[in-house]
N, C-alpha and C. Protein backbone atom coordinates (compact mmCIF):
# COMPACT_ATOMS: atom_id res chain seq x y z
N MET A 1 28.42 31.61 58.81
CA MET A 1 28.07 33.00 58.47
C MET A 1 26.55 33.19 58.55
N GLU A 2 26.13 34.20 59.29
CA GLU A 2 24.70 34.47 59.43
C GLU A 2 24.15 35.14 58.18
N THR A 3 22.88 34.86 57.89
CA THR A 3 22.25 35.53 56.75
C THR A 3 21.94 36.98 57.13
N PRO A 4 21.90 37.87 56.13
CA PRO A 4 21.57 39.27 56.43
C PRO A 4 20.23 39.43 57.16
N HIS A 5 19.25 38.60 56.78
CA HIS A 5 17.94 38.68 57.41
C HIS A 5 18.04 38.37 58.91
N TYR A 6 18.84 37.37 59.26
CA TYR A 6 19.01 36.99 60.66
C TYR A 6 19.72 38.10 61.44
N VAL A 7 20.75 38.67 60.85
CA VAL A 7 21.48 39.76 61.52
C VAL A 7 20.55 40.95 61.75
N ALA A 8 19.78 41.34 60.73
CA ALA A 8 18.85 42.47 60.85
C ALA A 8 17.83 42.21 61.96
N ALA A 9 17.30 40.99 62.01
CA ALA A 9 16.31 40.65 63.04
C ALA A 9 16.94 40.72 64.43
N ARG A 10 18.18 40.25 64.57
CA ARG A 10 18.85 40.30 65.87
C ARG A 10 19.08 41.75 66.31
N VAL A 11 19.55 42.60 65.39
CA VAL A 11 19.80 44.01 65.74
C VAL A 11 18.48 44.68 66.15
N GLN A 12 17.40 44.43 65.40
CA GLN A 12 16.11 45.04 65.75
C GLN A 12 15.64 44.55 67.12
N ARG A 13 15.82 43.26 67.42
CA ARG A 13 15.41 42.72 68.71
C ARG A 13 16.21 43.38 69.84
N VAL A 14 17.52 43.52 69.65
CA VAL A 14 18.36 44.14 70.68
C VAL A 14 17.96 45.60 70.88
N LEU A 15 17.69 46.33 69.80
CA LEU A 15 17.27 47.73 69.93
C LEU A 15 15.96 47.83 70.72
N ALA A 16 15.08 46.86 70.55
CA ALA A 16 13.80 46.87 71.26
C ALA A 16 13.96 46.48 72.73
N GLU A 17 14.88 45.54 73.01
CA GLU A 17 14.98 44.99 74.37
C GLU A 17 16.01 45.66 75.26
N ASP A 18 17.01 46.32 74.68
CA ASP A 18 18.06 46.94 75.48
C ASP A 18 17.49 48.13 76.25
N ASP A 19 17.79 48.21 77.54
CA ASP A 19 17.26 49.29 78.38
C ASP A 19 17.73 50.67 77.93
N ARG A 20 18.86 50.74 77.23
CA ARG A 20 19.36 52.04 76.77
C ARG A 20 18.56 52.58 75.60
N THR A 21 17.89 51.70 74.86
CA THR A 21 17.20 52.14 73.66
C THR A 21 15.70 51.89 73.70
N ASN A 22 15.25 50.69 74.00
CA ASN A 22 13.82 50.33 73.96
C ASN A 22 13.16 50.91 72.72
N GLU A 23 13.78 50.70 71.58
CA GLU A 23 13.37 51.36 70.34
C GLU A 23 12.74 50.36 69.37
N LEU A 24 11.50 50.65 68.96
CA LEU A 24 10.80 49.79 68.01
C LEU A 24 10.71 50.42 66.62
N GLY A 25 10.99 51.70 66.51
CA GLY A 25 10.72 52.41 65.26
C GLY A 25 11.90 52.56 64.31
N ILE A 26 12.96 51.80 64.50
CA ILE A 26 14.13 51.92 63.63
C ILE A 26 14.15 50.73 62.66
N ARG A 27 14.29 51.04 61.38
CA ARG A 27 14.40 49.98 60.37
C ARG A 27 15.87 49.59 60.23
N VAL A 28 16.13 48.31 60.19
CA VAL A 28 17.50 47.80 60.07
C VAL A 28 17.60 47.01 58.77
N ASP A 29 18.53 47.41 57.92
CA ASP A 29 18.81 46.68 56.68
C ASP A 29 20.25 46.23 56.71
N VAL A 30 20.51 45.01 56.29
CA VAL A 30 21.87 44.48 56.25
C VAL A 30 22.18 44.09 54.81
N ARG A 31 23.30 44.63 54.32
CA ARG A 31 23.78 44.26 52.98
C ARG A 31 25.25 43.90 53.11
N GLY A 32 25.54 42.62 52.98
CA GLY A 32 26.92 42.17 53.12
C GLY A 32 27.41 42.43 54.52
N GLU A 33 28.49 43.22 54.62
CA GLU A 33 29.09 43.54 55.92
C GLU A 33 28.63 44.90 56.44
N GLU A 34 27.56 45.43 55.86
CA GLU A 34 27.08 46.78 56.20
C GLU A 34 25.69 46.71 56.83
N VAL A 35 25.52 47.46 57.91
CA VAL A 35 24.22 47.56 58.59
C VAL A 35 23.75 49.00 58.44
N TYR A 36 22.51 49.18 57.96
CA TYR A 36 21.94 50.51 57.76
C TYR A 36 20.80 50.71 58.74
N LEU A 37 20.86 51.80 59.50
CA LEU A 37 19.81 52.16 60.46
C LEU A 37 19.03 53.32 59.89
N ARG A 38 17.70 53.17 59.84
CA ARG A 38 16.85 54.24 59.28
C ARG A 38 15.64 54.44 60.18
N GLY A 39 15.24 55.69 60.30
CA GLY A 39 14.08 56.02 61.12
C GLY A 39 14.20 57.45 61.59
N GLN A 40 13.44 57.79 62.63
CA GLN A 40 13.45 59.15 63.15
C GLN A 40 13.48 59.11 64.67
N VAL A 41 14.28 59.99 65.24
CA VAL A 41 14.35 60.16 66.70
C VAL A 41 14.37 61.64 67.02
N SER A 42 14.19 61.97 68.30
CA SER A 42 14.05 63.38 68.68
C SER A 42 15.32 64.02 69.21
N SER A 43 16.41 63.24 69.35
CA SER A 43 17.63 63.87 69.87
C SER A 43 18.88 63.21 69.28
N GLU A 44 19.93 64.00 69.21
CA GLU A 44 21.23 63.51 68.72
C GLU A 44 21.77 62.44 69.66
N GLU A 45 21.56 62.62 70.95
CA GLU A 45 22.04 61.65 71.94
C GLU A 45 21.39 60.28 71.69
N ARG A 46 20.09 60.30 71.45
CA ARG A 46 19.35 59.05 71.18
C ARG A 46 19.86 58.39 69.90
N ARG A 47 20.12 59.19 68.91
CA ARG A 47 20.63 58.70 67.62
C ARG A 47 21.95 57.96 67.83
N HIS A 48 22.85 58.54 68.61
CA HIS A 48 24.14 57.91 68.88
C HIS A 48 24.00 56.66 69.75
N GLN A 49 23.08 56.72 70.69
CA GLN A 49 22.86 55.58 71.57
C GLN A 49 22.38 54.36 70.76
N ILE A 50 21.47 54.59 69.83
CA ILE A 50 20.97 53.51 68.98
C ILE A 50 22.10 52.94 68.13
N GLU A 51 22.94 53.81 67.61
CA GLU A 51 24.08 53.35 66.81
C GLU A 51 25.02 52.49 67.66
N ASP A 52 25.30 52.91 68.88
CA ASP A 52 26.20 52.15 69.76
C ASP A 52 25.64 50.76 70.06
N VAL A 53 24.36 50.69 70.37
CA VAL A 53 23.72 49.41 70.68
C VAL A 53 23.72 48.51 69.45
N ALA A 54 23.43 49.08 68.28
CA ALA A 54 23.43 48.30 67.03
C ALA A 54 24.83 47.75 66.75
N GLN A 55 25.85 48.56 67.00
CA GLN A 55 27.24 48.10 66.78
C GLN A 55 27.58 46.94 67.69
N GLU A 56 27.13 47.00 68.93
CA GLU A 56 27.36 45.90 69.88
C GLU A 56 26.64 44.63 69.42
N ALA A 57 25.46 44.79 68.80
CA ALA A 57 24.66 43.64 68.36
C ALA A 57 25.19 43.03 67.07
N ALA A 58 26.01 43.79 66.34
CA ALA A 58 26.55 43.30 65.05
C ALA A 58 28.05 43.55 65.00
N PRO A 59 28.81 42.90 65.90
CA PRO A 59 30.26 43.13 65.93
C PRO A 59 30.91 42.70 64.61
N GLY A 60 31.86 43.49 64.16
CA GLY A 60 32.56 43.16 62.92
C GLY A 60 31.88 43.71 61.68
N LEU A 61 30.67 44.25 61.83
CA LEU A 61 29.99 44.85 60.68
C LEU A 61 30.06 46.37 60.79
N ARG A 62 29.98 47.03 59.66
CA ARG A 62 30.03 48.50 59.64
C ARG A 62 28.61 49.04 59.74
N VAL A 63 28.37 49.91 60.71
CA VAL A 63 27.04 50.47 60.92
C VAL A 63 26.97 51.85 60.28
N HIS A 64 25.96 52.04 59.43
CA HIS A 64 25.68 53.34 58.80
C HIS A 64 24.45 53.92 59.49
N ASN A 65 24.62 55.01 60.20
CA ASN A 65 23.52 55.63 60.93
C ASN A 65 22.85 56.66 60.03
N GLU A 66 21.71 56.28 59.46
CA GLU A 66 20.94 57.18 58.60
C GLU A 66 19.67 57.66 59.30
N ILE A 67 19.68 57.60 60.62
CA ILE A 67 18.53 58.03 61.42
C ILE A 67 18.44 59.55 61.36
N LYS A 68 17.24 60.04 61.12
CA LYS A 68 17.03 61.49 61.01
C LYS A 68 16.50 62.05 62.33
N LEU A 69 16.86 63.29 62.59
CA LEU A 69 16.35 63.98 63.78
C LEU A 69 15.06 64.71 63.42
N VAL A 70 14.07 64.62 64.30
CA VAL A 70 12.82 65.35 64.11
C VAL A 70 12.57 66.20 65.34
N GLU A 71 12.01 67.36 65.12
CA GLU A 71 11.69 68.26 66.22
C GLU A 71 10.37 67.82 66.85
N VAL A 72 10.38 67.68 68.16
CA VAL A 72 9.17 67.27 68.87
C VAL A 72 8.50 68.52 69.40
N ARG A 73 7.22 68.68 69.06
CA ARG A 73 6.45 69.83 69.54
C ARG A 73 5.48 69.36 70.62
N GLU A 74 5.15 70.29 71.49
CA GLU A 74 4.12 69.99 72.48
C GLU A 74 2.77 69.90 71.77
N PRO A 75 1.88 69.03 72.25
CA PRO A 75 0.55 68.95 71.63
C PRO A 75 -0.14 70.29 71.67
N GLY A 76 -0.71 70.69 70.57
CA GLY A 76 -1.43 71.96 70.51
C GLY A 76 -0.55 73.16 70.20
N GLU A 77 0.75 72.96 70.17
CA GLU A 77 1.66 74.08 69.87
C GLU A 77 1.53 74.41 68.40
N GLU A 78 1.39 75.70 68.11
CA GLU A 78 1.22 76.11 66.73
C GLU A 78 2.55 76.14 66.01
N GLU A 79 2.50 75.82 64.72
CA GLU A 79 3.68 75.91 63.89
C GLU A 79 3.68 77.29 63.23
N HIS A 80 4.75 78.02 63.39
CA HIS A 80 4.86 79.35 62.81
C HIS A 80 5.67 79.28 61.53
N LEU A 81 5.07 79.74 60.44
CA LEU A 81 5.77 79.70 59.16
C LEU A 81 6.38 81.03 58.83
């Protein structure tokens, strides 16, 4: 049985190296049989893609996708309140 720390490190490495994700900004926490993904991305598609890759990297564990969506603005674009 792998330690949670080892599983988390493997999932983070796969998220960084997989061509579908190339993601460095997602935090991975493992508690027992549960994997928690946390961070921010700019699209729902990206959010699901990261979850799919994490599930492949941790087969048999339950993945909780807690990644939040953030709106990406063009540089210099004003925020209207």
